[in-house]
Amino acid sequence: IKALKVHTKLEKISLRGNNIGTSGCLELLHLFPNRNNNSRLIALDLGENDITDEGASILASGLNNENSITHLNLSNNPIDTKGWQALANLLGSSRSRLKSLSIK
């Protein structure tokens, strides 16, 4: 994940099946486009990564910060009620640009 920080021109990243878990979600916050970096990231595939409620909540808080990510795939992760609630709140936020959330 750290190597991706220098590739600010990437628009889509697939980290499917990399077992990033909660600690990886914390690292990913630095990749999210914001006023402090030049990232162009719009699509992020985190399917099959052992992301739990805590990781989903971390991602939701990071994505609720006026960044440009519009597509997020969290399919096949062990996310439960608290994580889905955080993501639902994100979808309802006026600060989020997220348009597509895949959770199958």
PDB file of N, CA and C in Angstrom:
ATOM      1  N   ILE A   1       0.836  -1.186   0.000  1.00  0.00           N
ATOM      2  CA  ILE A   1       0.000   0.000   0.000  1.00  0.00           C
ATOM      3  C   ILE A   1       0.881   1.251   0.000  1.00  0.00           C
ATOM      4  N   LYS A   2       1.983   1.229   0.729  1.00  0.00           N
ATOM      5  CA  LYS A   2       2.861   2.397   0.806  1.00  0.00           C
ATOM      6  C   LYS A   2       3.403   2.777  -0.565  1.00  0.00           C
ATOM      7  N   ALA A   3       3.673   1.805  -1.419  1.00  0.00           N
ATOM      8  CA  ALA A   3       4.198   2.098  -2.752  1.00  0.00           C
ATOM      9  C   ALA A   3       3.184   2.846  -3.609  1.00  0.00           C
ATOM     10  N   LEU A   4       1.911   2.687  -3.332  1.00  0.00           N
ATOM     11  CA  LEU A   4       0.877   3.358  -4.118  1.00  0.00           C
ATOM     12  C   LEU A   4       0.821   4.861  -3.851  1.00  0.00           C
ATOM     13  N   LYS A   5       1.361   5.309  -2.747  1.00  0.00           N
ATOM     14  CA  LYS A   5       1.313   6.735  -2.395  1.00  0.00           C
ATOM     15  C   LYS A   5       2.020   7.615  -3.416  1.00  0.00           C
ATOM     16  N   VAL A   6       3.037   7.081  -4.085  1.00  0.00           N
ATOM     17  CA  VAL A   6       3.783   7.878  -5.058  1.00  0.00           C
ATOM     18  C   VAL A   6       3.151   7.868  -6.447  1.00  0.00           C
ATOM     19  N   HIS A   7       2.174   7.014  -6.667  1.00  0.00           N
ATOM     20  CA  HIS A   7       1.514   6.909  -7.962  1.00  0.00           C
ATOM     21  C   HIS A   7       0.197   7.678  -7.941  1.00  0.00           C
ATOM     22  N   THR A   8       0.287   8.973  -7.932  1.00  0.00           N
ATOM     23  CA  THR A   8      -0.895   9.822  -7.766  1.00  0.00           C
ATOM     24  C   THR A   8      -1.743   9.925  -9.032  1.00  0.00           C
ATOM     25  N   LYS A   9      -1.271   9.403 -10.158  1.00  0.00           N
ATOM     26  CA  LYS A   9      -2.043   9.483 -11.402  1.00  0.00           C
ATOM     27  C   LYS A   9      -2.995   8.307 -11.594  1.00  0.00           C
ATOM     28  N   LEU A  10      -2.901   7.302 -10.732  1.00  0.00           N
ATOM     29  CA  LEU A  10      -3.795   6.152 -10.830  1.00  0.00           C
ATOM     30  C   LEU A  10      -5.225   6.569 -10.524  1.00  0.00           C
ATOM     31  N   GLU A  11      -6.167   6.096 -11.348  1.00  0.00           N
ATOM     32  CA  GLU A  11      -7.577   6.387 -11.119  1.00  0.00           C
ATOM     33  C   GLU A  11      -8.314   5.191 -10.539  1.00  0.00           C
ATOM     34  N   LYS A  12      -7.820   3.983 -10.828  1.00  0.00           N
ATOM     35  CA  LYS A  12      -8.467   2.765 -10.341  1.00  0.00           C
ATOM     36  C   LYS A  12      -7.412   1.856  -9.736  1.00  0.00           C
ATOM     37  N   ILE A  13      -7.733   1.312  -8.566  1.00  0.00           N
ATOM     38  CA  ILE A  13      -6.821   0.379  -7.900  1.00  0.00           C
ATOM     39  C   ILE A  13      -7.613  -0.832  -7.444  1.00  0.00           C
ATOM     40  N   SER A  14      -7.104  -2.019  -7.756  1.00  0.00           N
ATOM     41  CA  SER A  14      -7.695  -3.255  -7.259  1.00  0.00           C
ATOM     42  C   SER A  14      -6.708  -3.911  -6.302  1.00  0.00           C
ATOM     43  N   LEU A  15      -7.134  -4.031  -5.057  1.00  0.00           N
ATOM     44  CA  LEU A  15      -6.348  -4.732  -4.044  1.00  0.00           C
ATOM     45  C   LEU A  15      -7.071  -5.991  -3.594  1.00  0.00           C
ATOM     46  N   ARG A  16      -7.929  -6.506  -4.433  1.00  0.00           N
ATOM     47  CA  ARG A  16      -8.741  -7.686  -4.147  1.00  0.00           C
ATOM     48  C   ARG A  16      -7.859  -8.844  -3.697  1.00  0.00           C
ATOM     49  N   GLY A  17      -8.294  -9.468  -2.590  1.00  0.00           N
ATOM     50  CA  GLY A  17      -7.641 -10.675  -2.113  1.00  0.00           C
ATOM     51  C   GLY A  17      -6.255 -10.482  -1.523  1.00  0.00           C
ATOM     52  N   ASN A  18      -5.956  -9.304  -1.010  1.00  0.00           N
ATOM     53  CA  ASN A  18      -4.636  -9.048  -0.438  1.00  0.00           C
ATOM     54  C   ASN A  18      -4.610  -9.087   1.081  1.00  0.00           C
ATOM     55  N   ASN A  19      -5.720  -9.465   1.696  1.00  0.00           N
ATOM     56  CA  ASN A  19      -5.772  -9.641   3.147  1.00  0.00           C
ATOM     57  C   ASN A  19      -5.300  -8.389   3.901  1.00  0.00           C
ATOM     58  N   ILE A  20      -5.798  -7.226   3.477  1.00  0.00           N
ATOM     59  CA  ILE A  20      -5.321  -5.987   4.087  1.00  0.00           C
ATOM     60  C   ILE A  20      -5.903  -5.742   5.474  1.00  0.00           C
ATOM     61  N   GLY A  21      -7.106  -6.216   5.753  1.00  0.00           N
ATOM     62  CA  GLY A  21      -7.694  -6.091   7.080  1.00  0.00           C
ATOM     63  C   GLY A  21      -7.790  -4.649   7.570  1.00  0.00           C
ATOM     64  N   THR A  22      -7.939  -4.493   8.879  1.00  0.00           N
ATOM     65  CA  THR A  22      -8.109  -3.178   9.491  1.00  0.00           C
ATOM     66  C   THR A  22      -6.857  -2.311   9.358  1.00  0.00           C
ATOM     67  N   SER A  23      -5.684  -2.889   9.576  1.00  0.00           N
ATOM     68  CA  SER A  23      -4.454  -2.094   9.489  1.00  0.00           C
ATOM     69  C   SER A  23      -4.253  -1.554   8.079  1.00  0.00           C
ATOM     70  N   GLY A  24      -4.627  -2.330   7.080  1.00  0.00           N
ATOM     71  CA  GLY A  24      -4.534  -1.874   5.697  1.00  0.00           C
ATOM     72  C   GLY A  24      -5.509  -0.748   5.409  1.00  0.00           C
ATOM     73  N   CYS A  25      -6.670  -0.785   6.038  1.00  0.00           N
ATOM     74  CA  CYS A  25      -7.649   0.292   5.867  1.00  0.00           C
ATOM     75  C   CYS A  25      -7.090   1.602   6.396  1.00  0.00           C
ATOM     76  N   LEU A  26      -6.369   1.536   7.502  1.00  0.00           N
ATOM     77  CA  LEU A  26      -5.730   2.739   8.049  1.00  0.00           C
ATOM     78  C   LEU A  26      -4.693   3.301   7.073  1.00  0.00           C
ATOM     79  N   GLU A  27      -3.917   2.434   6.470  1.00  0.00           N
ATOM     80  CA  GLU A  27      -2.907   2.859   5.492  1.00  0.00           C
ATOM     81  C   GLU A  27      -3.559   3.466   4.256  1.00  0.00           C
ATOM     82  N   LEU A  28      -4.695   2.913   3.865  1.00  0.00           N
ATOM     83  CA  LEU A  28      -5.385   3.399   2.667  1.00  0.00           C
ATOM     84  C   LEU A  28      -5.875   4.838   2.802  1.00  0.00           C
ATOM     85  N   LEU A  29      -6.108   5.287   3.999  1.00  0.00           N
ATOM     86  CA  LEU A  29      -6.587   6.658   4.192  1.00  0.00           C
ATOM     87  C   LEU A  29      -5.643   7.670   3.546  1.00  0.00           C
ATOM     88  N   HIS A  30      -4.365   7.359   3.468  1.00  0.00           N
ATOM     89  CA  HIS A  30      -3.387   8.262   2.878  1.00  0.00           C
ATOM     90  C   HIS A  30      -3.486   8.310   1.359  1.00  0.00           C
ATOM     91  N   LEU A  31      -4.143   7.331   0.772  1.00  0.00           N
ATOM     92  CA  LEU A  31      -4.313   7.302  -0.683  1.00  0.00           C
ATOM     93  C   LEU A  31      -5.542   8.086  -1.130  1.00  0.00           C
ATOM     94  N   PHE A  32      -6.464   8.318  -0.217  1.00  0.00           N
ATOM     95  CA  PHE A  32      -7.701   8.967  -0.605  1.00  0.00           C
ATOM     96  C   PHE A  32      -7.424  10.392  -1.070  1.00  0.00           C
ATOM     97  N   PRO A  33      -7.944  10.746  -2.221  1.00  0.00           N
ATOM     98  CA  PRO A  33      -7.737  12.104  -2.713  1.00  0.00           C
ATOM     99  C   PRO A  33      -8.330  13.130  -1.750  1.00  0.00           C
ATOM    100  N   ASN A  34      -7.610  14.203  -1.539  1.00  0.00           N
ATOM    101  CA  ASN A  34      -8.105  15.311  -0.713  1.00  0.00           C
ATOM    102  C   ASN A  34      -7.348  16.572  -1.075  1.00  0.00           C
ATOM    103  N   ARG A  35      -7.598  17.612  -0.356  1.00  0.00           N
ATOM    104  CA  ARG A  35      -6.949  18.899  -0.645  1.00  0.00           C
ATOM    105  C   ARG A  35      -5.444  18.861  -0.415  1.00  0.00           C
ATOM    106  N   ASN A  36      -4.960  17.877   0.329  1.00  0.00           N
ATOM    107  CA  ASN A  36      -3.551  17.836   0.697  1.00  0.00           C
ATOM    108  C   ASN A  36      -2.695  16.944  -0.193  1.00  0.00           C
ATOM    109  N   ASN A  37      -3.297  16.290  -1.167  1.00  0.00           N
ATOM    110  CA  ASN A  37      -2.493  15.481  -2.076  1.00  0.00           C
ATOM    111  C   ASN A  37      -3.044  15.591  -3.496  1.00  0.00           C
ATOM    112  N   ASN A  38      -2.329  15.029  -4.453  1.00  0.00           N
ATOM    113  CA  ASN A  38      -2.721  15.130  -5.862  1.00  0.00           C
ATOM    114  C   ASN A  38      -3.332  13.851  -6.400  1.00  0.00           C
ATOM    115  N   SER A  39      -3.801  12.982  -5.540  1.00  0.00           N
ATOM    116  CA  SER A  39      -4.350  11.702  -5.963  1.00  0.00           C
ATOM    117  C   SER A  39      -5.567  11.894  -6.860  1.00  0.00           C
ATOM    118  N   ARG A  40      -5.667  11.045  -7.875  1.00  0.00           N
ATOM    119  CA  ARG A  40      -6.799  11.069  -8.808  1.00  0.00           C
ATOM    120  C   ARG A  40      -7.672   9.822  -8.670  1.00  0.00           C
ATOM    121  N   LEU A  41      -7.486   9.118  -7.590  1.00  0.00           N
ATOM    122  CA  LEU A  41      -8.179   7.859  -7.373  1.00  0.00           C
ATOM    123  C   LEU A  41      -9.695   8.054  -7.350  1.00  0.00           C
ATOM    124  N   ILE A  42     -10.410   7.272  -8.203  1.00  0.00           N
ATOM    125  CA  ILE A  42     -11.872   7.333  -8.215  1.00  0.00           C
ATOM    126  C   ILE A  42     -12.519   5.975  -7.939  1.00  0.00           C
ATOM    127  N   ALA A  43     -11.788   4.883  -8.163  1.00  0.00           N
ATOM    128  CA  ALA A  43     -12.355   3.547  -7.965  1.00  0.00           C
ATOM    129  C   ALA A  43     -11.390   2.677  -7.166  1.00  0.00           C
ATOM    130  N   LEU A  44     -11.937   2.010  -6.150  1.00  0.00           N
ATOM    131  CA  LEU A  44     -11.120   1.193  -5.258  1.00  0.00           C
ATOM    132  C   LEU A  44     -11.803  -0.148  -5.020  1.00  0.00           C
ATOM    133  N   ASP A  45     -11.120  -1.233  -5.387  1.00  0.00           N
ATOM    134  CA  ASP A  45     -11.643  -2.585  -5.208  1.00  0.00           C
ATOM    135  C   ASP A  45     -10.930  -3.227  -4.018  1.00  0.00           C
ATOM    136  N   LEU A  46     -11.692  -3.424  -2.940  1.00  0.00           N
ATOM    137  CA  LEU A  46     -11.160  -4.046  -1.725  1.00  0.00           C
ATOM    138  C   LEU A  46     -11.869  -5.357  -1.408  1.00  0.00           C
ATOM    139  N   GLY A  47     -12.401  -5.997  -2.415  1.00  0.00           N
ATOM    140  CA  GLY A  47     -13.092  -7.263  -2.211  1.00  0.00           C
ATOM    141  C   GLY A  47     -12.156  -8.330  -1.656  1.00  0.00           C
ATOM    142  N   GLU A  48     -12.707  -9.218  -0.838  1.00  0.00           N
ATOM    143  CA  GLU A  48     -11.985 -10.376  -0.304  1.00  0.00           C
ATOM    144  C   GLU A  48     -10.711  -9.979   0.459  1.00  0.00           C
ATOM    145  N   ASN A  49     -10.845  -9.083   1.430  1.00  0.00           N
ATOM    146  CA  ASN A  49      -9.682  -8.590   2.156  1.00  0.00           C
ATOM    147  C   ASN A  49      -9.796  -8.702   3.670  1.00  0.00           C
ATOM    148  N   ASP A  50     -10.708  -9.486   4.167  1.00  0.00           N
ATOM    149  CA  ASP A  50     -10.875  -9.644   5.620  1.00  0.00           C
ATOM    150  C   ASP A  50     -11.110  -8.313   6.325  1.00  0.00           C
ATOM    151  N   ILE A  51     -11.845  -7.419   5.672  1.00  0.00           N
ATOM    152  CA  ILE A  51     -12.198  -6.137   6.268  1.00  0.00           C
ATOM    153  C   ILE A  51     -13.425  -6.347   7.147  1.00  0.00           C
ATOM    154  N   THR A  52     -13.309  -5.962   8.415  1.00  0.00           N
ATOM    155  CA  THR A  52     -14.377  -6.147   9.395  1.00  0.00           C
ATOM    156  C   THR A  52     -15.110  -4.819   9.613  1.00  0.00           C
ATOM    157  N   ASP A  53     -15.972  -4.790  10.632  1.00  0.00           N
ATOM    158  CA  ASP A  53     -16.703  -3.565  10.976  1.00  0.00           C
ATOM    159  C   ASP A  53     -15.749  -2.401  11.221  1.00  0.00           C
ATOM    160  N   GLU A  54     -14.680  -2.660  11.935  1.00  0.00           N
ATOM    161  CA  GLU A  54     -13.730  -1.594  12.259  1.00  0.00           C
ATOM    162  C   GLU A  54     -13.098  -1.020  10.992  1.00  0.00           C
ATOM    163  N   GLY A  55     -12.684  -1.885  10.097  1.00  0.00           N
ATOM    164  CA  GLY A  55     -12.090  -1.438   8.838  1.00  0.00           C
ATOM    165  C   GLY A  55     -13.092  -0.681   7.974  1.00  0.00           C
ATOM    166  N   ALA A  56     -14.327  -1.165   7.925  1.00  0.00           N
ATOM    167  CA  ALA A  56     -15.367  -0.485   7.147  1.00  0.00           C
ATOM    168  C   ALA A  56     -15.644   0.898   7.720  1.00  0.00           C
ATOM    169  N   SER A  57     -15.643   1.011   9.028  1.00  0.00           N
ATOM    170  CA  SER A  57     -15.861   2.308   9.678  1.00  0.00           C
ATOM    171  C   SER A  57     -14.716   3.272   9.390  1.00  0.00           C
ATOM    172  N   ILE A  58     -13.497   2.763   9.378  1.00  0.00           N
ATOM    173  CA  ILE A  58     -12.329   3.579   9.038  1.00  0.00           C
ATOM    174  C   ILE A  58     -12.449   4.093   7.608  1.00  0.00           C
ATOM    175  N   LEU A  59     -12.791   3.198   6.695  1.00  0.00           N
ATOM    176  CA  LEU A  59     -12.951   3.604   5.300  1.00  0.00           C
ATOM    177  C   LEU A  59     -14.062   4.637   5.142  1.00  0.00           C
ATOM    178  N   ALA A  60     -15.177   4.405   5.829  1.00  0.00           N
ATOM    179  CA  ALA A  60     -16.308   5.328   5.735  1.00  0.00           C
ATOM    180  C   ALA A  60     -15.920   6.722   6.222  1.00  0.00           C
ATOM    181  N   SER A  61     -15.178   6.790   7.309  1.00  0.00           N
ATOM    182  CA  SER A  61     -14.783   8.112   7.819  1.00  0.00           C
ATOM    183  C   SER A  61     -13.819   8.793   6.855  1.00  0.00           C
ATOM    184  N   GLY A  62     -12.925   8.042   6.254  1.00  0.00           N
ATOM    185  CA  GLY A  62     -11.986   8.610   5.290  1.00  0.00           C
ATOM    186  C   GLY A  62     -12.654   9.060   4.007  1.00  0.00           C
ATOM    187  N   LEU A  63     -13.670   8.331   3.596  1.00  0.00           N
ATOM    188  CA  LEU A  63     -14.373   8.675   2.359  1.00  0.00           C
ATOM    189  C   LEU A  63     -15.363   9.811   2.559  1.00  0.00           C
ATOM    190  N   ASN A  64     -15.608  10.179   3.786  1.00  0.00           N
ATOM    191  CA  ASN A  64     -16.552  11.259   4.093  1.00  0.00           C
ATOM    192  C   ASN A  64     -15.807  12.589   4.240  1.00  0.00           C
ATOM    193  N   ASN A  65     -14.745  12.732   3.464  1.00  0.00           N
ATOM    194  CA  ASN A  65     -13.897  13.909   3.605  1.00  0.00           C
ATOM    195  C   ASN A  65     -13.677  14.601   2.261  1.00  0.00           C
ATOM    196  N   GLU A  66     -14.737  14.773   1.519  1.00  0.00           N
ATOM    197  CA  GLU A  66     -14.708  15.501   0.253  1.00  0.00           C
ATOM    198  C   GLU A  66     -13.627  15.018  -0.702  1.00  0.00           C
ATOM    199  N   ASN A  67     -13.487  13.715  -0.872  1.00  0.00           N
ATOM    200  CA  ASN A  67     -12.532  13.232  -1.858  1.00  0.00           C
ATOM    201  C   ASN A  67     -13.279  12.787  -3.113  1.00  0.00           C
ATOM    202  N   SER A  68     -12.554  12.326  -4.116  1.00  0.00           N
ATOM    203  CA  SER A  68     -13.167  12.047  -5.411  1.00  0.00           C
ATOM    204  C   SER A  68     -13.525  10.582  -5.653  1.00  0.00           C
ATOM    205  N   ILE A  69     -13.364   9.726  -4.672  1.00  0.00           N
ATOM    206  CA  ILE A  69     -13.693   8.313  -4.887  1.00  0.00           C
ATOM    207  C   ILE A  69     -15.202   8.162  -5.077  1.00  0.00           C
ATOM    208  N   THR A  70     -15.554   7.570  -6.218  1.00  0.00           N
ATOM    209  CA  THR A  70     -16.971   7.386  -6.548  1.00  0.00           C
ATOM    210  C   THR A  70     -17.391   5.918  -6.537  1.00  0.00           C
ATOM    211  N   HIS A  71     -16.437   4.993  -6.632  1.00  0.00           N
ATOM    212  CA  HIS A  71     -16.754   3.565  -6.697  1.00  0.00           C
ATOM    213  C   HIS A  71     -15.917   2.793  -5.676  1.00  0.00           C
ATOM    214  N   LEU A  72     -16.602   2.000  -4.848  1.00  0.00           N
ATOM    215  CA  LEU A  72     -15.933   1.204  -3.817  1.00  0.00           C
ATOM    216  C   LEU A  72     -16.515  -0.199  -3.811  1.00  0.00           C
ATOM    217  N   ASN A  73     -15.646  -1.203  -3.906  1.00  0.00           N
ATOM    218  CA  ASN A  73     -16.071  -2.596  -3.843  1.00  0.00           C
ATOM    219  C   ASN A  73     -15.576  -3.202  -2.529  1.00  0.00           C
ATOM    220  N   LEU A  74     -16.515  -3.635  -1.704  1.00  0.00           N
ATOM    221  CA  LEU A  74     -16.195  -4.312  -0.444  1.00  0.00           C
ATOM    222  C   LEU A  74     -16.803  -5.710  -0.395  1.00  0.00           C
ATOM    223  N   SER A  75     -17.052  -6.299  -1.536  1.00  0.00           N
ATOM    224  CA  SER A  75     -17.692  -7.613  -1.573  1.00  0.00           C
ATOM    225  C   SER A  75     -16.820  -8.687  -0.917  1.00  0.00           C
ATOM    226  N   ASN A  76     -17.488  -9.668  -0.344  1.00  0.00           N
ATOM    227  CA  ASN A  76     -16.832 -10.820   0.281  1.00  0.00           C
ATOM    228  C   ASN A  76     -15.877 -10.458   1.413  1.00  0.00           C
ATOM    229  N   ASN A  77     -16.308  -9.538   2.256  1.00  0.00           N
ATOM    230  CA  ASN A  77     -15.595  -9.182   3.476  1.00  0.00           C
ATOM    231  C   ASN A  77     -16.522  -9.452   4.660  1.00  0.00           C
ATOM    232  N   PRO A  78     -15.984  -9.814   5.827  1.00  0.00           N
ATOM    233  CA  PRO A  78     -16.829 -10.132   6.987  1.00  0.00           C
ATOM    234  C   PRO A  78     -17.327  -8.883   7.730  1.00  0.00           C
ATOM    235  N   ILE A  79     -17.977  -8.007   6.991  1.00  0.00           N
ATOM    236  CA  ILE A  79     -18.520  -6.779   7.575  1.00  0.00           C
ATOM    237  C   ILE A  79     -19.894  -7.097   8.151  1.00  0.00           C
ATOM    238  N   ASP A  80     -20.160  -6.585   9.346  1.00  0.00           N
ATOM    239  CA  ASP A  80     -21.431  -6.835  10.032  1.00  0.00           C
ATOM    240  C   ASP A  80     -22.178  -5.517  10.228  1.00  0.00           C
ATOM    241  N   THR A  81     -23.109  -5.486  11.138  1.00  0.00           N
ATOM    242  CA  THR A  81     -24.040  -4.378  11.321  1.00  0.00           C
ATOM    243  C   THR A  81     -23.371  -3.017  11.486  1.00  0.00           C
ATOM    244  N   LYS A  82     -22.403  -2.902  12.375  1.00  0.00           N
ATOM    245  CA  LYS A  82     -21.771  -1.598  12.626  1.00  0.00           C
ATOM    246  C   LYS A  82     -21.053  -1.067  11.384  1.00  0.00           C
ATOM    247  N   GLY A  83     -20.389  -1.934  10.680  1.00  0.00           N
ATOM    248  CA  GLY A  83     -19.688  -1.524   9.464  1.00  0.00           C
ATOM    249  C   GLY A  83     -20.639  -1.085   8.378  1.00  0.00           C
ATOM    250  N   TRP A  84     -21.720  -1.849   8.212  1.00  0.00           N
ATOM    251  CA  TRP A  84     -22.706  -1.471   7.185  1.00  0.00           C
ATOM    252  C   TRP A  84     -23.405  -0.174   7.556  1.00  0.00           C
ATOM    253  N   GLN A  85     -23.619   0.054   8.840  1.00  0.00           N
ATOM    254  CA  GLN A  85     -24.240   1.308   9.270  1.00  0.00           C
ATOM    255  C   GLN A  85     -23.335   2.491   8.940  1.00  0.00           C
ATOM    256  N   ALA A  86     -22.045   2.341   9.178  1.00  0.00           N
ATOM    257  CA  ALA A  86     -21.099   3.410   8.859  1.00  0.00           C
ATOM    258  C   ALA A  86     -21.100   3.697   7.356  1.00  0.00           C
ATOM    259  N   LEU A  87     -21.168   2.650   6.561  1.00  0.00           N
ATOM    260  CA  LEU A  87     -21.191   2.828   5.106  1.00  0.00           C
ATOM    261  C   LEU A  87     -22.512   3.437   4.638  1.00  0.00           C
ATOM    262  N   ALA A  88     -23.611   3.052   5.276  1.00  0.00           N
ATOM    263  CA  ALA A  88     -24.921   3.641   4.939  1.00  0.00           C
ATOM    264  C   ALA A  88     -24.911   5.134   5.267  1.00  0.00           C
ATOM    265  N   ASN A  89     -24.328   5.505   6.396  1.00  0.00           N
ATOM    266  CA  ASN A  89     -24.221   6.916   6.758  1.00  0.00           C
ATOM    267  C   ASN A  89     -23.378   7.674   5.732  1.00  0.00           C
ATOM    268  N   LEU A  90     -22.339   7.027   5.246  1.00  0.00           N
ATOM    269  CA  LEU A  90     -21.493   7.628   4.223  1.00  0.00           C
ATOM    270  C   LEU A  90     -22.295   7.920   2.957  1.00  0.00           C
ATOM    271  N   LEU A  91     -23.090   6.956   2.532  1.00  0.00           N
ATOM    272  CA  LEU A  91     -23.890   7.134   1.317  1.00  0.00           C
ATOM    273  C   LEU A  91     -24.887   8.279   1.459  1.00  0.00           C
ATOM    274  N   GLY A  92     -25.339   8.538   2.670  1.00  0.00           N
ATOM    275  CA  GLY A  92     -26.292   9.608   2.909  1.00  0.00           C
ATOM    276  C   GLY A  92     -25.649  10.959   3.158  1.00  0.00           C
ATOM    277  N   SER A  93     -24.333  11.012   3.188  1.00  0.00           N
ATOM    278  CA  SER A  93     -23.618  12.245   3.498  1.00  0.00           C
ATOM    279  C   SER A  93     -23.501  13.153   2.271  1.00  0.00           C
ATOM    280  N   SER A  94     -23.682  14.419   2.473  1.00  0.00           N
ATOM    281  CA  SER A  94     -23.533  15.383   1.377  1.00  0.00           C
ATOM    282  C   SER A  94     -22.065  15.620   1.028  1.00  0.00           C
ATOM    283  N   ARG A  95     -21.163  15.244   1.911  1.00  0.00           N
ATOM    284  CA  ARG A  95     -19.721  15.426   1.669  1.00  0.00           C
ATOM    285  C   ARG A  95     -19.120  14.297   0.844  1.00  0.00           C
ATOM    286  N   SER A  96     -19.790  13.175   0.771  1.00  0.00           N
ATOM    287  CA  SER A  96     -19.271  12.021   0.047  1.00  0.00           C
ATOM    288  C   SER A  96     -19.668  12.082  -1.424  1.00  0.00           C
ATOM    289  N   ARG A  97     -18.748  11.677  -2.285  1.00  0.00           N
ATOM    290  CA  ARG A  97     -19.036  11.589  -3.723  1.00  0.00           C
ATOM    291  C   ARG A  97     -19.274  10.145  -4.158  1.00  0.00           C
ATOM    292  N   LEU A  98     -19.299   9.236  -3.191  1.00  0.00           N
ATOM    293  CA  LEU A  98     -19.481   7.820  -3.496  1.00  0.00           C
ATOM    294  C   LEU A  98     -20.827   7.594  -4.185  1.00  0.00           C
ATOM    295  N   LYS A  99     -20.780   6.960  -5.364  1.00  0.00           N
ATOM    296  CA  LYS A  99     -21.973   6.682  -6.142  1.00  0.00           C
ATOM    297  C   LYS A  99     -22.272   5.194  -6.222  1.00  0.00           C
ATOM    298  N   SER A 100     -21.237   4.387  -6.077  1.00  0.00           N
ATOM    299  CA  SER A 100     -21.375   2.947  -6.242  1.00  0.00           C
ATOM    300  C   SER A 100     -20.662   2.214  -5.108  1.00  0.00           C
ATOM    301  N   LEU A 101     -21.409   1.350  -4.410  1.00  0.00           N
ATOM    302  CA  LEU A 101     -20.851   0.532  -3.342  1.00  0.00           C
ATOM    303  C   LEU A 101     -21.256  -0.914  -3.608  1.00  0.00           C
ATOM    304  N   SER A 102     -20.291  -1.756  -3.894  1.00  0.00           N
ATOM    305  CA  SER A 102     -20.559  -3.161  -4.165  1.00  0.00           C
ATOM    306  C   SER A 102     -20.312  -3.968  -2.900  1.00  0.00           C
ATOM    307  N   ILE A 103     -21.332  -4.752  -2.488  1.00  0.00           N
ATOM    308  CA  ILE A 103     -21.231  -5.475  -1.207  1.00  0.00           C
ATOM    309  C   ILE A 103     -21.627  -6.936  -1.291  1.00  0.00           C
ATOM    310  N   LYS A 104     -21.777  -7.489  -2.455  1.00  0.00           N
ATOM    311  CA  LYS A 104     -22.275  -8.874  -2.560  1.00  0.00           C
ATOM    312  C   LYS A 104     -21.444  -9.884  -1.849  1.00  0.00           C
TER     313      LYS A 104
END
